[in-house]
Protein backbone atom coordinates (compact mmCIF):
# COMPACT_ATOMS: atom_id res chain seq x y z
CA MET A 1 -51.00 -71.31 -14.40
CA THR A 2 -48.77 -69.69 -12.39
CA ILE A 3 -45.54 -69.86 -10.63
CA ASP A 4 -44.40 -70.13 -7.45
CA ARG A 5 -41.21 -67.44 -6.39
CA ARG A 6 -40.12 -69.97 -3.78
CA ALA A 7 -39.21 -73.10 -6.10
CA LEU A 8 -37.59 -70.90 -7.94
CA GLY A 9 -33.53 -70.32 -8.14
CA PHE A 10 -32.30 -66.99 -7.62
CA GLY A 11 -28.22 -67.41 -7.62
CA GLY A 12 -25.77 -67.71 -4.53
CA SER A 13 -26.35 -69.40 -0.87
CA GLU A 14 -28.43 -68.71 1.82
CA ARG A 15 -28.38 -65.22 2.80
CA ALA A 16 -26.41 -64.41 6.32
CA VAL A 17 -29.04 -63.47 9.29
CA TYR A 18 -27.76 -59.98 8.57
CA ALA A 19 -28.32 -59.24 4.81
CA ALA A 20 -30.36 -57.24 3.20
CA ASP A 21 -33.66 -59.73 2.46
CA PRO A 22 -35.88 -59.08 -0.62
CA TRP A 23 -38.51 -60.73 0.29
CA THR A 24 -39.15 -58.23 3.45
CA THR A 25 -38.35 -55.07 1.55
CA ARG A 26 -39.57 -51.92 2.93
CA GLY A 27 -41.22 -51.69 -0.29
CA ARG A 28 -41.91 -48.72 -3.30
CA LEU A 29 -42.94 -45.16 -2.75
CA TYR A 30 -45.07 -45.57 -5.26
CA PRO A 31 -46.97 -49.78 -4.79
CA GLU A 32 -46.05 -52.39 -7.16
CA ASP A 33 -47.46 -56.00 -7.51
CA ASP A 34 -44.55 -58.44 -6.92
CA SER A 35 -42.96 -60.23 -9.92
CA PRO A 36 -43.18 -64.01 -10.42
CA THR A 37 -40.10 -64.61 -11.10
CA ARG A 38 -37.59 -61.90 -9.86
CA SER A 39 -36.53 -60.60 -6.09
CA ASP A 40 -37.33 -57.01 -5.48
CA PHE A 41 -33.38 -56.31 -6.02
CA GLN A 42 -33.39 -58.25 -8.60
CA ARG A 43 -36.03 -55.46 -10.28
CA ASP A 44 -33.85 -52.46 -9.09
CA ARG A 45 -30.51 -53.70 -11.24
CA ASP A 46 -32.30 -54.36 -13.96
CA ARG A 47 -34.13 -51.48 -13.96
CA ILE A 48 -30.89 -49.10 -13.31
CA VAL A 49 -29.62 -50.79 -16.24
CA HIS A 50 -32.31 -49.56 -18.40
CA THR A 51 -32.06 -46.52 -17.70
CA THR A 52 -31.14 -43.31 -20.13
CA ALA A 53 -28.68 -42.44 -17.20
CA PHE A 54 -26.54 -45.50 -17.55
CA ARG A 55 -26.51 -45.52 -21.11
CA ARG A 56 -24.72 -42.28 -20.97
CA LEU A 57 -22.27 -43.21 -18.48
CA LYS A 58 -20.12 -44.37 -21.54
CA HIS A 59 -19.61 -41.19 -23.10
CA LYS A 60 -18.63 -39.99 -20.02
CA THR A 61 -14.92 -39.14 -18.16
CA GLN A 62 -13.33 -41.35 -14.98
CA VAL A 63 -10.18 -39.65 -14.90
CA PHE A 64 -9.00 -39.55 -19.07
CA ILE A 65 -11.09 -37.57 -21.84
CA ALA A 66 -12.53 -40.35 -24.34
CA GLN A 67 -10.67 -38.20 -27.36
CA ASP A 68 -7.55 -39.55 -25.14
CA GLY A 69 -7.63 -43.31 -26.63
CA ASP A 70 -10.54 -45.40 -26.38
CA HIS A 71 -9.07 -48.27 -24.16
CA TYR A 72 -8.96 -45.70 -20.93
CA ARG A 73 -11.66 -46.16 -18.49
CA THR A 74 -14.63 -44.08 -18.41
CA ARG A 75 -17.48 -43.40 -16.64
CA LEU A 76 -19.23 -46.83 -17.28
CA THR A 77 -16.36 -49.36 -17.48
CA HIS A 78 -15.44 -48.04 -14.08
CA THR A 79 -18.82 -48.73 -12.96
CA ILE A 80 -19.13 -52.40 -14.16
CA GLU A 81 -15.40 -53.32 -12.89
CA VAL A 82 -17.19 -51.47 -9.39
CA ALA A 83 -20.07 -53.71 -9.80
CA GLN A 84 -18.46 -56.65 -10.08
CA ILE A 85 -15.73 -55.85 -6.94
CA ALA A 86 -18.99 -55.02 -5.13
CA ARG A 87 -20.92 -58.93 -6.25
CA ALA A 88 -17.69 -60.68 -5.21
CA LEU A 89 -17.24 -58.71 -1.89
CA ALA A 90 -21.02 -59.49 -1.77
CA ARG A 91 -21.36 -63.93 -2.24
CA ALA A 92 -18.40 -63.26 0.05
CA LEU A 93 -20.31 -62.42 3.01
CA LYS A 94 -23.05 -63.75 2.35
CA LEU A 95 -25.17 -60.94 1.19
CA ASP A 96 -27.85 -60.00 -1.50
CA GLU A 97 -25.46 -59.64 -4.45
CA ASP A 98 -28.97 -58.12 -6.58
CA LEU A 99 -28.91 -55.29 -4.21
CA ALA A 100 -24.77 -54.98 -3.39
CA GLU A 101 -24.68 -54.95 -7.62
CA GLY A 102 -27.67 -52.61 -7.97
CA VAL A 103 -26.24 -50.10 -5.81
CA ALA A 104 -22.86 -50.26 -7.62
CA LEU A 105 -24.48 -49.89 -10.88
CA VAL A 106 -26.15 -47.10 -9.99
CA HIS A 107 -23.80 -44.82 -7.43
CA ASP A 108 -22.70 -42.57 -10.91
CA PHE A 109 -25.41 -41.54 -12.39
CA GLY A 110 -25.13 -38.00 -10.95
CA HIS A 111 -22.18 -36.99 -12.49
CA THR A 112 -21.71 -34.41 -14.97
CA PRO A 113 -19.61 -34.55 -18.48
CA PHE A 114 -15.59 -34.64 -17.77
CA GLY A 115 -15.92 -36.50 -14.61
CA HIS A 116 -14.86 -34.10 -11.17
CA THR A 117 -13.97 -31.03 -13.28
CA GLY A 118 -17.56 -31.04 -14.39
CA GLU A 119 -19.05 -31.74 -11.44
CA ASP A 120 -16.85 -28.46 -9.51
CA ALA A 121 -17.58 -26.36 -12.63
CA LEU A 122 -21.78 -26.82 -12.24
CA HIS A 123 -21.00 -26.50 -8.51
CA GLU A 124 -19.49 -22.79 -8.76
CA VAL A 125 -22.38 -21.91 -11.05
CA LEU A 126 -25.35 -23.29 -8.68
CA LEU A 127 -23.72 -21.65 -5.68
CA PRO A 128 -26.13 -19.38 -5.43
CA TYR A 129 -29.54 -22.01 -6.18
CA GLY A 130 -28.18 -24.42 -3.77
CA GLY A 131 -24.74 -25.89 -5.22
CA PHE A 132 -24.37 -29.19 -7.02
CA ASP A 133 -23.30 -32.63 -5.53
CA HIS A 134 -23.27 -36.38 -7.84
CA ASN A 135 -24.95 -37.72 -5.36
CA ALA A 136 -27.81 -35.62 -4.91
CA GLN A 137 -27.84 -35.89 -8.22
CA SER A 138 -27.51 -39.83 -8.69
CA LEU A 139 -31.01 -39.61 -6.17
CA ARG A 140 -33.09 -36.84 -8.24
CA ILE A 141 -31.89 -38.86 -11.11
CA VAL A 142 -34.28 -42.09 -10.61
CA THR A 143 -37.00 -40.90 -8.28
CA LYS A 144 -37.82 -37.77 -10.79
CA LEU A 145 -35.96 -37.03 -13.89
CA GLU A 146 -35.90 -40.39 -15.45
CA ARG A 147 -39.12 -40.57 -17.58
CA ARG A 148 -39.97 -44.01 -18.54
CA TYR A 149 -43.33 -45.48 -16.63
CA ALA A 150 -46.82 -44.70 -16.89
CA GLU A 151 -48.07 -44.01 -13.96
CA PHE A 152 -44.62 -42.33 -11.53
CA ASP A 153 -41.87 -40.51 -12.44
CA GLY A 154 -37.97 -42.19 -11.69
CA ILE A 155 -37.95 -45.87 -11.14
CA ASN A 156 -40.00 -46.67 -7.93
CA LEU A 157 -36.47 -48.02 -7.11
CA THR A 158 -37.08 -50.14 -3.52
CA TRP A 159 -36.33 -48.36 -0.01
CA GLU A 160 -32.85 -50.39 0.38
CA SER A 161 -32.06 -49.31 -2.91
CA LEU A 162 -32.20 -45.52 -2.24
CA GLU A 163 -30.46 -46.18 0.69
CA GLY A 164 -27.94 -47.66 -0.82
CA LEU A 165 -27.53 -45.20 -3.15
CA VAL A 166 -26.91 -42.12 0.17
CA LYS A 167 -25.78 -42.96 2.15
CA HIS A 168 -23.24 -45.67 0.99
CA ASN A 169 -19.94 -43.71 2.18
CA GLY A 170 -21.71 -43.09 5.79
CA PRO A 171 -24.44 -41.68 7.19
CA LEU A 172 -25.30 -37.92 6.51
CA LEU A 173 -26.78 -36.92 9.91
CA THR A 174 -25.09 -37.42 13.57
CA PRO A 175 -27.93 -38.14 16.26
CA ASP A 176 -28.01 -34.93 16.73
CA GLY A 177 -29.25 -34.04 13.07
CA VAL A 178 -25.49 -32.10 12.43
CA GLY A 179 -24.48 -33.06 8.59
CA THR A 180 -21.32 -35.20 9.15
CA ARG A 181 -19.99 -33.94 5.57
CA GLY A 182 -21.34 -30.44 5.49
CA PRO A 183 -25.29 -29.74 4.88
CA VAL A 184 -27.08 -31.62 3.66
CA PRO A 185 -28.43 -31.76 -0.41
CA GLN A 186 -31.92 -30.34 -0.53
CA PRO A 187 -33.00 -32.93 -2.85
CA ILE A 188 -31.66 -35.70 -0.28
CA LEU A 189 -33.75 -33.54 2.39
CA ASP A 190 -36.73 -33.15 0.18
CA TYR A 191 -37.02 -36.62 -0.84
CA CYS A 192 -36.75 -38.22 3.08
CA GLU A 193 -39.90 -36.03 4.05
CA LEU A 194 -41.74 -38.28 1.98
CA HIS A 195 -39.70 -41.40 1.76
CA ASP A 196 -37.22 -41.73 4.78
CA LEU A 197 -33.93 -43.44 4.01
CA GLU A 198 -32.88 -42.76 7.94
CA LEU A 199 -29.61 -40.71 7.24
CA ALA A 200 -28.52 -40.38 10.66
CA THR A 201 -27.56 -44.71 10.12
CA TYR A 202 -24.95 -46.78 8.55
CA ALA A 203 -26.40 -47.87 5.44
CA SER A 204 -26.50 -51.92 4.61
CA LEU A 205 -23.70 -53.90 4.42
CA GLU A 206 -24.80 -54.60 0.46
CA ALA A 207 -24.13 -51.09 0.40
CA GLN A 208 -20.99 -51.18 2.39
CA VAL A 209 -19.04 -53.27 -0.09
CA ALA A 210 -20.23 -51.42 -2.90
CA ALA A 211 -18.08 -48.66 -1.35
CA ILE A 212 -15.27 -50.08 -1.03
CA ALA A 213 -15.72 -51.95 -4.70
CA ASP A 214 -15.53 -47.84 -5.92
CA ASP A 215 -12.24 -47.21 -3.88
CA ILE A 216 -10.49 -50.18 -4.54
CA ALA A 217 -11.76 -50.34 -8.39
CA TYR A 218 -10.52 -46.56 -9.24
CA ASN A 219 -6.83 -47.36 -7.35
CA THR A 220 -6.68 -50.10 -10.02
CA HIS A 221 -7.36 -48.96 -13.03
CA ASP A 222 -6.17 -44.99 -12.35
CA ILE A 223 -2.98 -46.91 -11.81
CA ASP A 224 -3.57 -49.01 -14.96
CA ASP A 225 -4.94 -46.22 -17.11
CA GLY A 226 -2.14 -44.31 -15.50
CA LEU A 227 0.76 -46.54 -16.75
CA ARG A 228 -0.70 -46.64 -20.51
CA SER A 229 -1.07 -42.64 -20.81
CA GLY A 230 2.86 -42.61 -19.76
CA TYR A 231 2.21 -40.12 -16.87
CA LEU A 232 2.70 -42.97 -14.21
CA THR A 233 5.82 -45.17 -14.37
CA PHE A 234 6.69 -48.42 -12.73
CA ASP A 235 9.62 -46.44 -10.93
CA MET A 236 6.50 -44.36 -9.40
CA LEU A 237 5.28 -47.44 -8.12
CA GLU A 238 7.92 -48.76 -6.27
CA GLU A 239 7.22 -45.28 -3.78
CA ILE A 240 4.48 -47.38 -2.60
CA PRO A 241 5.93 -50.71 -0.23
CA PHE A 242 2.62 -52.58 -1.30
CA LEU A 243 3.06 -51.70 -5.20
CA ALA A 244 6.44 -52.63 -5.12
CA GLY A 245 6.22 -56.03 -2.98
CA LEU A 246 3.52 -56.86 -5.82
CA MET A 247 6.04 -56.06 -9.02
CA ALA A 248 8.79 -57.75 -6.86
CA GLU A 249 6.65 -61.30 -6.21
CA VAL A 250 5.74 -60.05 -9.87
CA ARG A 251 8.80 -60.19 -11.43
CA ALA A 252 10.68 -63.14 -9.14
CA ARG A 253 7.86 -65.65 -10.87
CA TYR A 254 7.78 -63.76 -14.37
CA PRO A 255 11.35 -62.91 -15.06
CA HIS A 256 10.86 -61.92 -18.88
CA LEU A 257 7.47 -60.07 -19.23
CA GLU A 258 6.83 -57.98 -21.34
CA PRO A 259 5.27 -54.59 -20.08
CA SER A 260 1.55 -54.95 -20.28
CA ARG A 261 1.06 -58.66 -19.01
CA PHE A 262 3.56 -57.22 -16.16
CA THR A 263 1.26 -54.38 -15.84
CA HIS A 264 -1.93 -56.56 -15.68
CA GLU A 265 -0.46 -58.72 -13.14
CA ILE A 266 0.30 -56.29 -10.80
CA MET A 267 -3.58 -54.79 -11.21
CA ARG A 268 -4.97 -57.91 -10.13
CA ARG A 269 -2.91 -58.99 -7.69
CA GLN A 270 -3.95 -55.58 -5.65
CA ILE A 271 -7.97 -55.93 -6.73
CA THR A 272 -7.33 -59.34 -4.45
CA ARG A 273 -5.10 -58.69 -1.99
CA MET A 274 -7.52 -55.48 -0.69
CA VAL A 275 -11.08 -57.43 -1.72
CA GLU A 276 -9.62 -59.99 0.57
CA ASP A 277 -8.50 -57.49 3.20
CA VAL A 278 -11.47 -55.86 2.92
CA ILE A 279 -13.60 -59.54 4.00
CA SER A 280 -11.03 -60.33 7.06
CA VAL A 281 -11.48 -56.87 8.35
CA ALA A 282 -15.78 -57.24 7.81
CA GLN A 283 -15.32 -61.15 9.07
CA GLN A 284 -14.02 -59.71 12.14
CA ARG A 285 -16.22 -56.80 13.00
CA LEU A 286 -18.84 -58.94 12.45
CA SER A 287 -17.94 -61.64 15.03
CA SER A 288 -17.44 -58.87 17.42
CA LEU A 289 -20.74 -56.75 16.42
CA ARG A 290 -23.17 -60.48 16.30
CA PRO A 291 -25.82 -58.92 14.66
CA GLU A 292 -28.36 -60.90 13.66
CA SER A 293 -30.65 -58.52 10.80
CA ALA A 294 -30.00 -55.86 8.55
CA ALA A 295 -31.47 -53.67 11.26
CA ASP A 296 -28.36 -54.55 13.57
CA ILE A 297 -25.72 -53.39 10.95
CA ARG A 298 -27.26 -50.03 10.25
CA ALA A 299 -27.41 -49.79 13.95
CA ALA A 300 -24.15 -49.80 14.42
CA ASP A 301 -21.76 -47.26 15.03
CA GLN A 302 -18.88 -47.93 12.65
CA VAL A 303 -18.59 -49.66 9.18
CA ILE A 304 -18.31 -52.83 9.03
CA ALA A 305 -16.63 -53.25 4.80
CA THR A 306 -13.70 -51.34 5.15
CA PHE A 307 -9.53 -51.82 4.29
CA SER A 308 -7.87 -52.53 8.17
CA ASP A 309 -5.27 -49.78 9.13
CA ALA A 310 -2.36 -51.05 6.89
CA MET A 311 -4.83 -51.05 3.68
CA ALA A 312 -5.95 -47.36 4.32
CA GLU A 313 -2.29 -46.21 4.59
CA THR A 314 -1.98 -47.63 1.13
CA ASP A 315 -5.17 -46.57 0.13
CA ARG A 316 -3.62 -43.36 1.51
CA GLN A 317 -0.72 -43.30 -0.33
CA ILE A 318 -2.20 -44.55 -3.85
CA LYS A 319 -4.21 -41.63 -3.42
CA ALA A 320 -1.75 -39.39 -3.34
CA MET A 321 0.63 -40.56 -5.96
CA LEU A 322 -2.45 -40.61 -8.05
CA PHE A 323 -2.84 -37.18 -6.93
CA LYS A 324 0.19 -35.75 -7.56
CA ARG A 325 1.36 -37.45 -10.93
CA ILE A 326 -1.91 -37.85 -12.55
CA TYR A 327 -4.91 -35.77 -11.47
CA ARG A 328 -2.37 -32.70 -10.54
CA ASN A 329 -0.43 -32.83 -13.93
CA PRO A 330 0.12 -29.74 -15.71
CA ASP A 331 -1.54 -31.53 -19.04
CA ILE A 332 -4.48 -32.91 -17.09
CA MET A 333 -4.85 -29.52 -15.33
CA ARG A 334 -4.82 -27.40 -18.78
CA ILE A 335 -7.77 -30.36 -19.83
CA ARG A 336 -9.74 -29.91 -17.16
CA ALA A 337 -9.14 -25.92 -17.01
CA GLY A 338 -10.71 -26.33 -20.42
CA ALA A 339 -13.62 -28.84 -19.38
CA ALA A 340 -14.71 -26.26 -17.11
CA GLN A 341 -14.87 -23.48 -19.28
CA ILE A 342 -17.34 -25.48 -21.49
CA VAL A 343 -19.66 -26.55 -18.32
CA THR A 344 -19.78 -22.42 -17.20
CA ASP A 345 -20.34 -21.49 -20.69
CA LEU A 346 -22.92 -23.50 -21.48
CA PHE A 347 -24.51 -22.76 -18.07
CA GLY A 348 -24.89 -19.11 -18.77
CA ALA A 349 -26.24 -19.79 -22.62
CA TYR A 350 -28.72 -22.36 -21.00
CA MET A 351 -29.80 -19.41 -18.58
CA ALA A 352 -29.61 -16.69 -21.07
CA SER A 353 -31.22 -18.59 -23.75
CA PRO A 354 -33.71 -21.57 -22.50
CA LYS A 355 -34.67 -22.59 -26.12
CA GLU A 356 -31.20 -23.44 -26.38
CA MET A 357 -31.71 -26.69 -24.64
CA GLN A 358 -33.24 -28.11 -27.85
CA SER A 359 -33.56 -32.07 -27.10
CA HIS A 360 -35.40 -30.97 -23.39
CA TYR A 361 -38.78 -32.07 -22.89
CA TRP A 362 -39.38 -29.11 -21.07
CA VAL A 363 -37.82 -26.82 -22.73
CA ASP A 364 -40.77 -24.94 -23.84
CA HIS A 365 -42.24 -24.20 -19.99
CA ILE A 366 -39.51 -22.68 -18.00
CA ALA A 367 -38.52 -19.65 -20.02
CA GLY A 368 -40.54 -17.53 -17.46
CA LEU A 369 -39.80 -19.43 -14.24
CA ALA A 370 -37.94 -17.26 -11.50
CA ASP A 371 -34.00 -18.08 -11.14
CA ALA A 372 -33.78 -20.77 -9.30
CA PRO A 373 -36.10 -23.30 -10.27
CA LYS A 374 -34.52 -22.47 -13.65
CA ALA A 375 -31.10 -23.28 -12.78
CA ARG A 376 -31.52 -26.07 -11.72
CA HIS A 377 -33.64 -27.79 -14.57
CA VAL A 378 -30.22 -25.65 -16.58
CA GLY A 379 -27.70 -27.79 -13.69
CA ASP A 380 -30.18 -31.39 -14.29
CA TYR A 381 -29.50 -30.53 -18.11
CA LEU A 382 -26.10 -29.78 -18.18
CA ALA A 383 -25.27 -33.50 -15.64
CA GLY A 384 -27.37 -35.50 -18.45
CA MET A 385 -24.62 -34.53 -20.77
CA THR A 386 -22.18 -37.03 -22.01
CA ASP A 387 -18.93 -35.28 -23.04
CA THR A 388 -18.93 -35.87 -26.68
CA TYR A 389 -22.61 -34.26 -26.44
CA ALA A 390 -21.64 -31.44 -24.41
CA ILE A 391 -18.49 -30.76 -26.81
CA SER A 392 -20.83 -30.24 -29.64
CA ALA A 393 -23.17 -28.15 -28.04
CA HIS A 394 -20.45 -25.79 -27.14
CA ARG A 395 -19.45 -25.32 -30.68
CA ARG A 396 -22.77 -25.07 -32.26
CA LEU A 397 -23.31 -22.17 -29.74
CA PHE A 398 -19.19 -20.56 -29.29
CA ASP A 399 -17.34 -19.12 -31.71
CA HIS A 400 -14.71 -21.20 -29.82
CA THR A 401 -14.38 -24.70 -27.79
CA PRO A 402 -11.18 -25.53 -25.96
CA ASP A 403 -9.11 -28.16 -27.47
CA LEU A 404 -9.56 -31.33 -24.62
CA ARG A 405 -6.79 -33.08 -25.45
């Protein structure tokens, strides 16, 4: 008994001509038989959700260390919010929703414990060996470090999903081969030798909506978490005209609303206005470009899914407020210093004695390696840690562990 895939329902309306087509994917590095019940992009999304890296996001910091409270966002809850917004944008623009969701779900796999603090600390100790980049680490995870399948390392995602992971923030190279944001991380260059991700072009529109969904999600939920923590106040939000307008709107409609509901009403309006702004800009740019295929999106000389000039200014104002009031708050900086010390101490301990990496599958094989490959293995191990595991590992190896409260 056989299944007719073309007769199955895969959700959503008919895709636009410029959407990525799962039925004509550029394929996987290691060829596999088609699934009778799922498109290739659905399979990618499902594989991403079932990885160890995805589960670890539950205990990785977004902004506030998990010990600070159960209701703050973690890297996992952030990722889920990004995926929801990306899927909404993809549906509105008649894109492949599964590809957009998959790119959103995988985009933070390479993040270290303790958020950007951990990444900065790991980059510092790895500078003599090529440094650390969380985007390149995400690629290493899905192409090399996940060990689940009998026939290959990684999870063998399609070209389109890997392209979206690597290029969702735009091309990495100019047409002349110069890095658009500095040198391209070596792990990305190495992979492209095997499976060219065309680093000088834009990614699919599905990847672009995942990227802007990331901005929308963290701008909104960092304000929400900032209000909950007390680092932000409603008076501070009034300094940004866009947010002041939203608050005035909510107060006019609900004059006696309790603070928690008031916050939610602001946040839901912020997400809606930002999503609608992106849709409007994308529609205008698509109307001008008149793309006939996903290839036309990649060949365009500009990003399609982005904010209008006015919303981009609001985005800058929100980020500036978040940096001033939260990310650079003295209390947060003290905690960041302790988190950086944990990462730095663990790197030194594992370089000196790789056997201390007790749970790693290759721990018995790296003691004799030169420093550069050994450092990359240690970096992989540290980047994969959750906050809680890093703290417990440090307590096992050192007499004093910084208090991250």
